[in-house]
Amino acid sequence: MENFDKYAEYTKSENWGEICRLNGVELDSFGTKKELRVLSEYLEADEVVFALTSGIMDQTETSNSFDFGSNTWLVVLTSDRFLFLDHAMLTKSVDTQSIRHDHVQAVSASQGFMFGKIMIDLGSRMLVIDNAHKSTVKVIASLANKWLKELADKKSQPTASANATYQTPLFDMLERLDKLATLGALTDEEFEYAKQRLIASEQFQAEKARFLSSLPQ
């Protein structure tokens, strides 16, 4: 993620305005000033905030009993999840919702004349945050999809590393023996003898063990 260190720095100092300015937008604190004051209390260790906005979400079964109908929530995109905070109007309680990135398939945004909408595709359902400031929805959708792609690429790296481990001199020699036998340059007996000698070598067994340990569990 571009500017990751800056996002981390501003998260640590709770400078939400600078995070927004880093994204080219102004901090949208409409109806969420209480939530912004307590946001850092709900972040996990080393969790980094990428973007923030406010928007309307329907009440859930865990919502504050002192709130009615649809409420304005603080919407936070972090390195770990989508985090939603709704501070109760008449009490100090805070309703929180959280969606880990591994549950998100895609994030899209639409912009109207004054407000925008964020749609989070969870596969089985679509979570909609409405009436968000229109300049922020495009930023959040873009950053979210970019980060989801980076996470997916990192997840696939162990397989790529395992494939690279496979291309070692001894494994490569085994492939060459097989090609020589296929081309008729080795008799079946010669190929089998050479293969068994190679496989039985301590170095080959050690490389085999390293290759197996590098595979995803």
Protein backbone atom coordinates (compact mmCIF):
# COMPACT_ATOMS: atom_id res chain seq x y z
CA MET A 1 0.00 0.00 0.00
CA GLU A 2 1.39 3.36 -1.04
CA ASN A 3 2.03 5.71 1.92
CA PHE A 4 1.61 2.82 4.39
CA ASP A 5 4.19 4.30 6.77
CA LYS A 6 2.37 7.64 6.73
CA TYR A 7 -0.96 5.95 7.46
CA ALA A 8 0.70 4.10 10.36
CA GLU A 9 2.24 7.32 11.70
CA TYR A 10 -1.05 9.23 11.60
CA THR A 11 -2.93 6.29 13.12
CA LYS A 12 -0.52 6.17 16.03
CA SER A 13 -0.92 9.92 16.63
CA GLU A 14 -4.72 9.67 16.11
CA ASN A 15 -4.47 12.32 13.41
CA TRP A 16 -7.56 11.32 11.44
CA GLY A 17 -7.62 14.63 9.55
CA GLU A 18 -4.15 14.01 8.08
CA ILE A 19 -5.17 10.52 6.96
CA CYS A 20 -8.06 12.05 5.05
CA ARG A 21 -5.85 14.76 3.57
CA LEU A 22 -3.38 12.06 2.53
CA ASN A 23 -6.28 10.61 0.52
CA GLY A 24 -7.12 14.00 -1.00
CA VAL A 25 -10.36 14.51 0.95
CA GLU A 26 -11.46 16.41 4.02
CA LEU A 27 -12.37 14.67 7.29
CA ASP A 28 -16.10 13.91 7.26
CA SER A 29 -17.07 14.13 10.93
CA PHE A 30 -20.77 14.76 10.38
CA GLY A 31 -22.63 12.95 13.16
CA THR A 32 -19.53 11.01 14.22
CA LYS A 33 -17.50 13.34 16.46
CA LYS A 34 -18.07 11.09 19.48
CA GLU A 35 -17.01 8.04 17.48
CA LEU A 36 -13.83 9.75 16.28
CA ARG A 37 -12.85 10.59 19.86
CA VAL A 38 -12.96 6.92 20.88
CA LEU A 39 -11.81 5.31 17.61
CA SER A 40 -8.29 4.52 18.84
CA GLU A 41 -9.77 2.51 21.73
CA TYR A 42 -11.27 0.05 19.26
CA LEU A 43 -8.21 -0.45 17.09
CA GLU A 44 -6.11 -3.57 17.54
CA ALA A 45 -2.35 -3.55 18.07
CA ASP A 46 -0.52 -2.47 14.89
CA GLU A 47 -3.83 -1.91 13.06
CA VAL A 48 -3.46 0.93 10.56
CA VAL A 49 -6.27 3.24 9.44
CA PHE A 50 -6.40 3.90 5.69
CA ALA A 51 -9.61 5.94 5.33
CA LEU A 52 -12.65 7.22 7.21
CA THR A 53 -16.10 8.52 6.43
CA SER A 54 -19.58 8.66 7.94
CA GLY A 55 -22.70 7.06 6.55
CA ILE A 56 -26.15 5.72 7.25
CA MET A 57 -26.51 2.05 8.18
CA ASP A 58 -29.59 0.15 9.32
CA GLN A 59 -29.82 -0.97 12.92
CA THR A 60 -28.75 -4.51 13.78
CA GLU A 61 -29.64 -6.85 16.63
CA THR A 62 -26.61 -5.55 18.56
CA SER A 63 -27.44 -1.87 18.09
CA ASN A 64 -27.88 0.50 21.02
CA SER A 65 -31.35 0.30 22.52
CA PHE A 66 -31.39 4.09 22.90
CA ASP A 67 -31.12 4.54 19.11
CA PHE A 68 -33.96 4.21 16.66
CA GLY A 69 -34.14 3.53 12.94
CA SER A 70 -31.11 4.08 10.73
CA ASN A 71 -28.11 5.73 12.34
CA THR A 72 -25.03 7.60 11.23
CA TRP A 73 -21.99 5.36 11.71
CA LEU A 74 -18.29 6.07 11.55
CA VAL A 75 -16.93 3.90 8.72
CA VAL A 76 -13.24 3.03 8.99
CA LEU A 77 -11.12 1.11 6.49
CA THR A 78 -8.08 -0.39 8.23
CA SER A 79 -5.30 -2.79 7.36
CA ASP A 80 -7.27 -5.63 9.01
CA ARG A 81 -10.95 -4.93 8.42
CA PHE A 82 -13.86 -2.59 7.92
CA LEU A 83 -14.73 -1.17 11.34
CA PHE A 84 -18.03 0.57 12.10
CA LEU A 85 -18.70 2.58 15.26
CA ASP A 86 -22.00 4.05 16.49
CA HIS A 87 -21.93 5.99 19.75
CA ALA A 88 -25.26 5.96 21.60
CA MET A 89 -26.97 9.31 21.87
CA LEU A 90 -27.93 9.17 25.56
CA THR A 91 -25.29 6.85 27.02
CA LYS A 92 -21.55 6.21 26.75
CA SER A 93 -22.02 2.82 25.08
CA VAL A 94 -20.62 2.27 21.60
CA ASP A 95 -22.02 -0.20 19.11
CA THR A 96 -19.30 -1.79 16.94
CA GLN A 97 -19.44 -3.91 13.83
CA SER A 98 -16.42 -5.45 12.13
CA ILE A 99 -15.81 -7.22 8.82
CA ARG A 100 -12.47 -8.90 8.27
CA HIS A 101 -10.97 -8.49 4.81
CA ASP A 102 -10.97 -12.23 4.14
CA HIS A 103 -14.79 -12.07 4.13
CA VAL A 104 -14.89 -9.26 1.55
CA GLN A 105 -15.07 -10.08 -2.15
CA ALA A 106 -15.19 -6.55 -3.56
CA VAL A 107 -16.03 -2.97 -2.66
CA SER A 108 -17.85 -0.56 -4.95
CA ALA A 109 -19.07 3.01 -4.71
CA SER A 110 -21.64 5.22 -6.36
CA GLN A 111 -21.82 9.01 -6.26
CA GLY A 112 -24.97 11.09 -6.36
CA PHE A 113 -25.43 14.84 -6.54
CA MET A 114 -24.52 15.43 -2.89
CA PHE A 115 -23.94 12.06 -1.26
CA GLY A 116 -22.42 8.72 -2.11
CA LYS A 117 -22.89 5.07 -1.28
CA ILE A 118 -20.45 2.27 -0.41
CA MET A 119 -21.35 -1.35 -1.22
CA ILE A 120 -19.34 -4.13 0.41
CA ASP A 121 -19.85 -7.48 -1.33
CA LEU A 122 -19.66 -10.30 1.22
CA GLY A 123 -20.71 -13.01 -1.21
CA SER A 124 -23.88 -14.05 0.60
CA ARG A 125 -25.06 -10.48 1.10
CA MET A 126 -24.32 -6.85 0.30
CA LEU A 127 -23.63 -4.34 3.06
CA VAL A 128 -24.63 -0.81 2.09
CA ILE A 129 -23.45 2.41 3.73
CA ASP A 130 -25.59 5.25 2.39
CA ASN A 131 -25.50 9.05 2.59
CA ALA A 132 -21.72 9.19 2.87
CA HIS A 133 -19.83 12.25 1.63
CA LYS A 134 -19.47 11.55 -2.09
CA SER A 135 -15.75 12.42 -2.25
CA THR A 136 -14.93 9.76 0.35
CA VAL A 137 -16.77 6.76 -1.11
CA LYS A 138 -14.60 6.53 -4.21
CA VAL A 139 -11.45 6.78 -2.08
CA ILE A 140 -12.55 4.02 0.30
CA ALA A 141 -13.62 1.68 -2.52
CA SER A 142 -10.37 2.24 -4.41
CA LEU A 143 -8.12 1.76 -1.36
CA ALA A 144 -10.09 -1.29 -0.19
CA ASN A 145 -9.86 -3.08 -3.52
CA LYS A 146 -6.17 -2.23 -3.84
CA TRP A 147 -5.47 -3.58 -0.35
CA LEU A 148 -7.56 -6.72 -0.96
CA LYS A 149 -5.47 -7.42 -4.05
CA GLU A 150 -2.22 -6.95 -2.11
CA LEU A 151 -3.43 -9.34 0.59
CA ALA A 152 -4.41 -11.91 -2.04
CA ASP A 153 -1.00 -11.59 -3.73
CA LYS A 154 0.79 -12.08 -0.40
CA LYS A 155 -1.34 -15.14 0.32
CA SER A 156 -0.28 -16.73 -2.96
CA GLN A 157 3.45 -16.10 -2.39
CA PRO A 158 4.13 -19.35 -0.41
CA THR A 159 3.07 -21.40 -3.45
CA ALA A 160 5.34 -19.36 -5.71
CA SER A 161 8.20 -19.80 -3.22
CA ALA A 162 7.62 -23.55 -3.11
CA ASN A 163 7.75 -23.73 -6.89
CA ALA A 164 11.03 -21.82 -6.85
CA THR A 165 12.44 -24.22 -4.25
CA TYR A 166 11.62 -27.09 -6.58
CA GLN A 167 13.94 -25.75 -9.25
CA THR A 168 17.16 -26.80 -7.48
CA PRO A 169 20.12 -28.53 -9.19
CA LEU A 170 19.21 -32.04 -7.99
CA PHE A 171 15.55 -31.74 -8.92
CA ASP A 172 16.61 -30.28 -12.24
CA MET A 173 18.94 -33.24 -12.78
CA LEU A 174 16.04 -35.63 -12.23
CA GLU A 175 14.04 -33.82 -14.90
CA ARG A 176 16.99 -34.06 -17.29
CA LEU A 177 17.31 -37.80 -16.69
CA ASP A 178 13.64 -38.19 -17.51
CA LYS A 179 14.09 -36.20 -20.75
CA LEU A 180 17.14 -38.29 -21.73
CA ALA A 181 15.16 -41.47 -21.19
CA THR A 182 12.25 -40.08 -23.20
CA LEU A 183 14.61 -39.22 -26.08
CA GLY A 184 16.12 -42.72 -25.99
CA ALA A 185 19.54 -41.53 -24.87
CA LEU A 186 19.31 -43.80 -21.82
CA THR A 187 18.13 -47.38 -21.62
CA ASP A 188 15.39 -48.16 -19.12
CA GLU A 189 17.96 -49.87 -16.89
CA GLU A 190 20.37 -46.92 -17.04
CA PHE A 191 17.60 -44.43 -16.30
CA GLU A 192 16.26 -46.45 -13.34
CA TYR A 193 19.75 -46.93 -11.90
CA ALA A 194 20.66 -43.23 -12.19
CA LYS A 195 17.31 -42.15 -10.76
CA GLN A 196 17.54 -44.43 -7.75
CA ARG A 197 21.10 -43.30 -7.01
CA LEU A 198 20.04 -39.66 -7.21
CA ILE A 199 16.93 -40.10 -5.04
CA ALA A 200 18.87 -42.07 -2.44
CA SER A 201 21.47 -39.32 -2.01
CA GLU A 202 21.38 -37.39 1.28
CA GLN A 203 21.42 -34.05 -0.52
CA PHE A 204 18.36 -34.98 -2.59
CA GLN A 205 16.46 -36.09 0.53
CA ALA A 206 17.37 -32.85 2.30
CA GLU A 207 16.10 -30.78 -0.63
CA LYS A 208 12.94 -32.87 -0.73
CA ALA A 209 12.34 -32.18 2.98
CA ARG A 210 12.85 -28.41 2.48
CA PHE A 211 10.44 -28.44 -0.44
CA LEU A 212 7.73 -30.25 1.53
CA SER A 213 8.12 -27.92 4.52
CA SER A 214 7.67 -24.87 2.26
CA LEU A 215 4.27 -26.04 1.01
CA PRO A 216 1.18 -24.27 2.46
CA GLN A 217 -0.34 -26.21 5.32
